Amino acid sequence: MRRFVRSFVLCAVLFAGFSIGLAAQAQSADEAKAEKEFYESVEREIERLTRLLDLNDAQIFFVDSIIVHDYKAMQAEIKELSERKVSNANMYYDVQDKWQEKIYEAYEKVFDEDQWAKYLKSGAARDKKSRDKRRAKAQR
């Protein structure tokens, strides 16, 4: 009987450890998938901007760095809000607007005048106007 109890306890402990290992592995696989999707979306955006603006290699490098850094920082802030269980959607919009504005300002330094004009015409000016409108409304 004692042997049976020990075997049962041992099996239960092994099963729990195996279950935890599977859960961790599944979480790791989800994180790896999300990371892959993130970099694929960055690559698509860089390709879009390169086609639209005829970026040179140095500009591609800077745009890549800007996008990766700022979007990662934005994701971290959004995750922090989510972990704190913030339910106010405006706070999430504020974080997105903050980082979109930083990207906008960084691009202005990287693009030449013609590229900047094309970038604004491609929708960036409209997005900037929307951000400014939301900021003005929030400050009232």
Protein backbone atom coordinates (compact mmCIF):
# COMPACT_ATOMS: atom_id res chain seq x y z
CA MET A 1 0.00 0.00 0.00
CA ARG A 2 2.82 2.36 0.87
CA ARG A 3 4.47 1.70 -2.44
CA PHE A 4 1.23 2.50 -4.21
CA VAL A 5 0.90 5.84 -2.38
CA ARG A 6 4.51 6.76 -3.16
CA SER A 7 4.02 5.82 -6.80
CA PHE A 8 0.82 7.84 -6.94
CA VAL A 9 2.45 10.90 -5.36
CA LEU A 10 5.46 10.57 -7.65
CA CYS A 11 3.20 10.35 -10.70
CA ALA A 12 1.19 13.36 -9.52
CA VAL A 13 4.35 15.43 -9.03
CA LEU A 14 5.74 14.37 -12.41
CA PHE A 15 2.41 15.13 -14.10
CA ALA A 16 2.26 18.58 -12.46
CA GLY A 17 5.82 19.30 -13.54
CA PHE A 18 5.08 18.08 -17.05
CA SER A 19 1.94 20.24 -17.20
CA ILE A 20 3.85 23.31 -16.04
CA GLY A 21 6.54 22.57 -18.61
CA LEU A 22 3.95 22.27 -21.38
CA ALA A 23 2.28 25.51 -20.31
CA ALA A 24 5.62 27.31 -20.28
CA GLN A 25 6.48 25.85 -23.67
CA ALA A 26 3.11 26.93 -25.09
CA GLN A 27 3.60 30.43 -23.69
CA SER A 28 7.10 30.53 -25.15
CA ALA A 29 5.75 29.41 -28.54
CA ASP A 30 3.08 32.14 -28.41
CA GLU A 31 5.71 34.75 -27.56
CA ALA A 32 7.94 33.53 -30.40
CA LYS A 33 5.00 33.70 -32.82
CA ALA A 34 4.13 37.24 -31.67
CA GLU A 35 7.77 38.29 -32.02
CA LYS A 36 7.92 36.84 -35.54
CA GLU A 37 4.70 38.61 -36.53
CA PHE A 38 6.04 41.87 -35.10
CA TYR A 39 9.20 41.74 -37.19
CA GLU A 40 7.23 40.72 -40.29
CA SER A 41 4.99 43.77 -39.88
CA VAL A 42 8.06 45.98 -39.40
CA GLU A 43 9.52 44.54 -42.61
CA ARG A 44 6.28 45.22 -44.51
CA GLU A 45 6.22 48.83 -43.29
CA ILE A 46 9.85 49.35 -44.28
CA GLU A 47 9.16 47.90 -47.73
CA ARG A 48 6.12 50.18 -48.10
CA LEU A 49 8.10 53.27 -47.13
CA THR A 50 11.04 52.25 -49.34
CA ARG A 51 8.77 51.86 -52.36
CA LEU A 52 6.85 55.06 -51.62
CA LEU A 53 9.81 57.29 -50.77
CA ASP A 54 12.74 55.62 -52.54
CA LEU A 55 14.77 55.39 -49.33
CA ASN A 56 18.53 54.88 -49.44
CA ASP A 57 20.29 52.26 -47.29
CA ALA A 58 21.07 54.66 -44.45
CA GLN A 59 17.46 55.83 -44.32
CA ILE A 60 16.24 52.23 -44.31
CA PHE A 61 18.52 51.53 -41.35
CA PHE A 62 17.21 54.56 -39.43
CA VAL A 63 13.57 53.81 -40.24
CA ASP A 64 14.03 50.21 -39.11
CA SER A 65 15.63 51.34 -35.86
CA ILE A 66 12.94 53.95 -35.22
CA ILE A 67 10.08 51.55 -35.84
CA VAL A 68 11.50 48.70 -33.77
CA HIS A 69 12.46 50.88 -30.81
CA ASP A 70 9.32 52.98 -30.67
CA TYR A 71 6.84 50.18 -31.27
CA LYS A 72 8.54 48.00 -28.65
CA ALA A 73 8.37 50.90 -26.18
CA MET A 74 4.70 51.47 -27.06
CA GLN A 75 3.92 47.77 -26.58
CA ALA A 76 5.66 47.82 -23.19
CA GLU A 77 3.60 50.80 -22.03
CA ILE A 78 0.37 49.23 -23.26
CA LYS A 79 1.26 45.97 -21.54
CA GLU A 80 1.90 47.87 -18.32
CA LEU A 81 -1.51 49.54 -18.54
CA SER A 82 -3.10 46.17 -19.23
CA GLU A 83 -1.34 44.53 -16.27
CA ARG A 84 -2.56 47.37 -14.05
CA LYS A 85 -6.08 46.59 -15.34
CA VAL A 86 -6.61 50.10 -16.72
CA SER A 87 -10.00 50.16 -18.43
CA ASN A 88 -9.95 53.75 -19.68
CA ALA A 89 -9.52 53.45 -23.45
CA ASN A 90 -8.32 57.05 -23.68
CA MET A 91 -5.17 56.14 -21.77
CA TYR A 92 -4.34 53.50 -24.37
CA TYR A 93 -4.95 56.03 -27.16
CA ASP A 94 -2.69 58.51 -25.37
CA VAL A 95 0.15 55.97 -25.32
CA GLN A 96 -0.33 55.17 -29.00
CA ASP A 97 -0.48 58.86 -29.91
CA LYS A 98 2.65 59.61 -27.89
CA TRP A 99 4.71 57.00 -29.72
CA GLN A 100 3.19 57.76 -33.13
CA GLU A 101 4.20 61.39 -32.58
CA LYS A 102 7.76 60.34 -31.72
CA ILE A 103 7.93 58.29 -34.93
CA TYR A 104 6.55 61.23 -36.91
CA GLU A 105 9.18 63.57 -35.48
CA ALA A 106 12.00 61.08 -36.08
CA TYR A 107 10.94 60.50 -39.68
CA GLU A 108 10.98 64.24 -40.29
CA LYS A 109 14.69 64.23 -39.40
CA VAL A 110 15.47 61.22 -41.62
CA PHE A 111 13.54 62.09 -44.81
CA ASP A 112 14.54 64.82 -47.24
CA GLU A 113 12.03 67.50 -48.28
CA ASP A 114 10.55 65.58 -51.21
CA GLN A 115 10.27 62.36 -49.23
CA TRP A 116 8.69 64.23 -46.34
CA ALA A 117 6.08 65.78 -48.65
CA LYS A 118 5.25 62.35 -50.10
CA TYR A 119 5.08 60.87 -46.61
CA LEU A 120 2.64 63.56 -45.47
CA LYS A 121 0.49 63.03 -48.57
CA SER A 122 0.41 59.28 -47.92
CA GLY A 123 -1.72 59.83 -44.83
CA ALA A 124 0.76 61.00 -42.21
CA ALA A 125 -0.59 64.56 -42.26
CA ARG A 126 -4.13 63.27 -41.66
CA ASP A 127 -2.90 61.06 -38.80
CA LYS A 128 -1.01 63.99 -37.27
CA LYS A 129 -4.13 66.16 -37.46
CA SER A 130 -6.15 63.43 -35.71
CA ARG A 131 -3.54 63.13 -32.94
CA ASP A 132 -3.46 66.88 -32.45
CA LYS A 133 -7.27 67.01 -32.34
CA ARG A 134 -7.40 64.27 -29.68
CA ARG A 135 -4.71 66.04 -27.63
CA ALA A 136 -6.59 69.36 -27.81
CA LYS A 137 -9.85 67.67 -26.79
CA ALA A 138 -8.14 65.93 -23.86
CA GLN A 139 -6.64 69.20 -22.59
CA ARG A 140 -10.04 70.90 -22.37
